[in-house]
Amino acid sequence: MTNLTIDERRHFSRIPFDAQAHIHADKGELHPNCEVLDVSLNGILIVKPIGWRGQLNDQFQIDLLLENAQLVIKMAAIVAHIDDNSIGFNCKNIDLESISHLKRLVELNLGDEALLHRELSSLIQ
């Protein structure tokens, strides 16, 4: 078995992105205006908010705010990893309008239509 780096195993390109997100826990915890580090078709990475109490596999509703909150991408996600400075979420459910906006965001930043189509294919497998 080979030791692959995280980037080699990654099925989705991460797009560095300067935005804010509201993170709502199913348990009631709320973290407004979290700094987004990057997004992908399968999730989001944020700066770990002060007072974070979430654990791995906890469920959250994420509202990714774009264009001064004129456009909001909404997704249900679970915590995939936590480190000292950041939290990674995997998208578990996203509505059609939000995935369309996210696809367009990734498409504009990837600059590689073939890569985008491979990533979209990975989503439905």
C-alpha atoms as a PDB file:
ATOM      1  CA  MET A   1       0.000   0.000   0.000  1.00  0.00           C
ATOM      2  CA  THR A   2       1.398   3.406  -0.920  1.00  0.00           C
ATOM      3  CA  ASN A   3       1.442   6.442   1.331  1.00  0.00           C
ATOM      4  CA  LEU A   4      -0.493   9.069  -0.602  1.00  0.00           C
ATOM      5  CA  THR A   5      -0.437  12.676   0.490  1.00  0.00           C
ATOM      6  CA  ILE A   6      -3.740  14.333   1.299  1.00  0.00           C
ATOM      7  CA  ASP A   7      -3.605  16.252  -2.000  1.00  0.00           C
ATOM      8  CA  GLU A   8      -3.057  13.017  -3.968  1.00  0.00           C
ATOM      9  CA  ARG A   9      -6.075  11.392  -2.281  1.00  0.00           C
ATOM     10  CA  ARG A  10      -8.266  14.462  -2.623  1.00  0.00           C
ATOM     11  CA  HIS A  11     -11.071  14.080  -5.158  1.00  0.00           C
ATOM     12  CA  PHE A  12     -12.083  17.751  -5.064  1.00  0.00           C
ATOM     13  CA  SER A  13      -9.964  20.831  -5.722  1.00  0.00           C
ATOM     14  CA  ARG A  14      -9.824  23.323  -2.907  1.00  0.00           C
ATOM     15  CA  ILE A  15     -10.382  26.905  -3.978  1.00  0.00           C
ATOM     16  CA  PRO A  16      -8.874  29.520  -1.643  1.00  0.00           C
ATOM     17  CA  PHE A  17     -11.726  31.892  -1.004  1.00  0.00           C
ATOM     18  CA  ASP A  18     -12.156  35.109   0.952  1.00  0.00           C
ATOM     19  CA  ALA A  19     -15.689  34.987   2.350  1.00  0.00           C
ATOM     20  CA  GLN A  20     -17.696  34.653   5.539  1.00  0.00           C
ATOM     21  CA  ALA A  21     -19.946  31.809   6.660  1.00  0.00           C
ATOM     22  CA  HIS A  22     -22.514  31.363   9.390  1.00  0.00           C
ATOM     23  CA  ILE A  23     -22.198  27.984  11.099  1.00  0.00           C
ATOM     24  CA  HIS A  24     -25.328  26.673  12.872  1.00  0.00           C
ATOM     25  CA  ALA A  25     -25.095  23.490  14.946  1.00  0.00           C
ATOM     26  CA  ASP A  26     -28.012  21.086  15.132  1.00  0.00           C
ATOM     27  CA  LYS A  27     -27.452  21.358  18.901  1.00  0.00           C
ATOM     28  CA  GLY A  28     -28.081  25.142  18.833  1.00  0.00           C
ATOM     29  CA  GLU A  29     -24.507  26.446  18.777  1.00  0.00           C
ATOM     30  CA  LEU A  30     -24.089  29.432  16.410  1.00  0.00           C
ATOM     31  CA  HIS A  31     -20.897  30.918  14.996  1.00  0.00           C
ATOM     32  CA  PRO A  32     -21.690  33.924  12.769  1.00  0.00           C
ATOM     33  CA  ASN A  33     -19.252  35.502  10.312  1.00  0.00           C
ATOM     34  CA  CYS A  34     -16.615  32.740  10.340  1.00  0.00           C
ATOM     35  CA  GLU A  35     -13.658  33.304   8.034  1.00  0.00           C
ATOM     36  CA  VAL A  36     -13.653  30.903   5.075  1.00  0.00           C
ATOM     37  CA  LEU A  37     -10.247  29.574   4.023  1.00  0.00           C
ATOM     38  CA  ASP A  38     -11.319  27.497   1.041  1.00  0.00           C
ATOM     39  CA  VAL A  39     -14.242  25.737  -0.598  1.00  0.00           C
ATOM     40  CA  SER A  40     -14.668  22.700  -2.813  1.00  0.00           C
ATOM     41  CA  LEU A  41     -17.596  20.917  -4.391  1.00  0.00           C
ATOM     42  CA  ASN A  42     -17.610  18.639  -1.361  1.00  0.00           C
ATOM     43  CA  GLY A  43     -17.069  20.990   1.564  1.00  0.00           C
ATOM     44  CA  ILE A  44     -15.611  24.024   3.209  1.00  0.00           C
ATOM     45  CA  LEU A  45     -12.656  24.891   5.455  1.00  0.00           C
ATOM     46  CA  ILE A  46     -13.013  27.712   7.996  1.00  0.00           C
ATOM     47  CA  VAL A  47     -10.845  29.387  10.608  1.00  0.00           C
ATOM     48  CA  LYS A  48     -11.675  27.779  13.948  1.00  0.00           C
ATOM     49  CA  PRO A  49     -13.968  30.193  15.811  1.00  0.00           C
ATOM     50  CA  ILE A  50     -13.283  31.226  19.392  1.00  0.00           C
ATOM     51  CA  GLY A  51     -15.351  29.095  21.747  1.00  0.00           C
ATOM     52  CA  TRP A  52     -15.731  26.200  19.296  1.00  0.00           C
ATOM     53  CA  ARG A  53     -17.289  23.155  21.004  1.00  0.00           C
ATOM     54  CA  GLY A  54     -18.180  20.988  17.998  1.00  0.00           C
ATOM     55  CA  GLN A  55     -16.748  17.504  17.632  1.00  0.00           C
ATOM     56  CA  LEU A  56     -15.947  15.210  14.703  1.00  0.00           C
ATOM     57  CA  ASN A  57     -19.078  14.048  12.847  1.00  0.00           C
ATOM     58  CA  ASP A  58     -21.308  16.721  14.438  1.00  0.00           C
ATOM     59  CA  GLN A  59     -23.877  18.088  11.992  1.00  0.00           C
ATOM     60  CA  PHE A  60     -24.078  21.745  11.031  1.00  0.00           C
ATOM     61  CA  GLN A  61     -25.944  24.014   8.657  1.00  0.00           C
ATOM     62  CA  ILE A  62     -23.502  26.267   6.798  1.00  0.00           C
ATOM     63  CA  ASP A  63     -24.488  29.484   5.063  1.00  0.00           C
ATOM     64  CA  LEU A  64     -21.643  30.623   2.795  1.00  0.00           C
ATOM     65  CA  LEU A  65     -22.145  34.346   2.191  1.00  0.00           C
ATOM     66  CA  LEU A  66     -21.195  35.699  -1.235  1.00  0.00           C
ATOM     67  CA  GLU A  67     -21.472  39.122  -2.835  1.00  0.00           C
ATOM     68  CA  ASN A  68     -21.983  40.933   0.493  1.00  0.00           C
ATOM     69  CA  ALA A  69     -24.551  38.306   1.557  1.00  0.00           C
ATOM     70  CA  GLN A  70     -26.652  38.942  -1.572  1.00  0.00           C
ATOM     71  CA  LEU A  71     -26.041  35.305  -2.492  1.00  0.00           C
ATOM     72  CA  VAL A  72     -26.022  32.493   0.069  1.00  0.00           C
ATOM     73  CA  ILE A  73     -24.915  28.914  -0.550  1.00  0.00           C
ATOM     74  CA  LYS A  74     -26.594  26.680   2.029  1.00  0.00           C
ATOM     75  CA  MET A  75     -25.385  23.201   2.871  1.00  0.00           C
ATOM     76  CA  ALA A  76     -25.849  20.601   5.569  1.00  0.00           C
ATOM     77  CA  ALA A  77     -22.412  19.353   6.563  1.00  0.00           C
ATOM     78  CA  ILE A  78     -20.559  17.285   9.124  1.00  0.00           C
ATOM     79  CA  VAL A  79     -17.250  18.051  10.804  1.00  0.00           C
ATOM     80  CA  ALA A  80     -14.579  16.048   8.969  1.00  0.00           C
ATOM     81  CA  HIS A  81     -11.523  17.334  10.818  1.00  0.00           C
ATOM     82  CA  ILE A  82     -10.525  19.828  13.477  1.00  0.00           C
ATOM     83  CA  ASP A  83      -7.071  21.185  14.177  1.00  0.00           C
ATOM     84  CA  ASP A  84      -5.749  24.057  16.275  1.00  0.00           C
ATOM     85  CA  ASN A  85      -6.587  26.696  13.658  1.00  0.00           C
ATOM     86  CA  SER A  86      -9.246  25.338  11.296  1.00  0.00           C
ATOM     87  CA  ILE A  87     -12.284  23.123  10.868  1.00  0.00           C
ATOM     88  CA  GLY A  88     -13.079  21.133   7.747  1.00  0.00           C
ATOM     89  CA  PHE A  89     -16.647  20.204   6.842  1.00  0.00           C
ATOM     90  CA  ASN A  90     -17.921  17.638   4.343  1.00  0.00           C
ATOM     91  CA  CYS A  91     -21.112  18.574   2.548  1.00  0.00           C
ATOM     92  CA  LYS A  92     -23.859  15.993   3.114  1.00  0.00           C
ATOM     93  CA  ASN A  93     -26.824  17.783   1.552  1.00  0.00           C
ATOM     94  CA  ILE A  94     -27.173  20.841  -0.656  1.00  0.00           C
ATOM     95  CA  ASP A  95     -30.136  22.208  -2.591  1.00  0.00           C
ATOM     96  CA  LEU A  96     -30.122  22.570  -6.353  1.00  0.00           C
ATOM     97  CA  GLU A  97     -29.779  26.359  -6.357  1.00  0.00           C
ATOM     98  CA  SER A  98     -26.846  26.265  -3.905  1.00  0.00           C
ATOM     99  CA  ILE A  99     -24.974  23.523  -5.802  1.00  0.00           C
ATOM    100  CA  SER A 100     -25.441  25.515  -9.009  1.00  0.00           C
ATOM    101  CA  HIS A 101     -23.844  28.574  -7.401  1.00  0.00           C
ATOM    102  CA  LEU A 102     -21.060  26.459  -5.873  1.00  0.00           C
ATOM    103  CA  LYS A 103     -20.382  24.759  -9.214  1.00  0.00           C
ATOM    104  CA  ARG A 104     -20.117  28.151 -10.906  1.00  0.00           C
ATOM    105  CA  LEU A 105     -17.785  29.428  -8.186  1.00  0.00           C
ATOM    106  CA  VAL A 106     -15.500  26.406  -8.575  1.00  0.00           C
ATOM    107  CA  GLU A 107     -15.709  26.581 -12.365  1.00  0.00           C
ATOM    108  CA  LEU A 108     -14.587  30.213 -12.427  1.00  0.00           C
ATOM    109  CA  ASN A 109     -11.658  29.517 -10.115  1.00  0.00           C
ATOM    110  CA  LEU A 110     -10.452  26.186 -11.529  1.00  0.00           C
ATOM    111  CA  GLY A 111     -10.041  27.342 -15.113  1.00  0.00           C
ATOM    112  CA  ASP A 112     -10.095  23.687 -16.234  1.00  0.00           C
ATOM    113  CA  GLU A 113     -13.431  22.428 -17.530  1.00  0.00           C
ATOM    114  CA  ALA A 114     -12.248  18.797 -17.748  1.00  0.00           C
ATOM    115  CA  LEU A 115     -11.213  18.853 -14.081  1.00  0.00           C
ATOM    116  CA  LEU A 116     -14.576  20.345 -13.118  1.00  0.00           C
ATOM    117  CA  HIS A 117     -16.407  17.533 -14.938  1.00  0.00           C
ATOM    118  CA  ARG A 118     -14.262  14.886 -13.188  1.00  0.00           C
ATOM    119  CA  GLU A 119     -15.075  16.432  -9.830  1.00  0.00           C
ATOM    120  CA  LEU A 120     -18.791  16.602 -10.624  1.00  0.00           C
ATOM    121  CA  SER A 121     -18.663  12.924 -11.614  1.00  0.00           C
ATOM    122  CA  SER A 122     -17.048  12.115  -8.255  1.00  0.00           C
ATOM    123  CA  LEU A 123     -19.963  13.796  -6.479  1.00  0.00           C
ATOM    124  CA  ILE A 124     -22.543  11.441  -7.949  1.00  0.00           C
ATOM    125  CA  GLN A 125     -20.616   8.227  -7.373  1.00  0.00           C
END
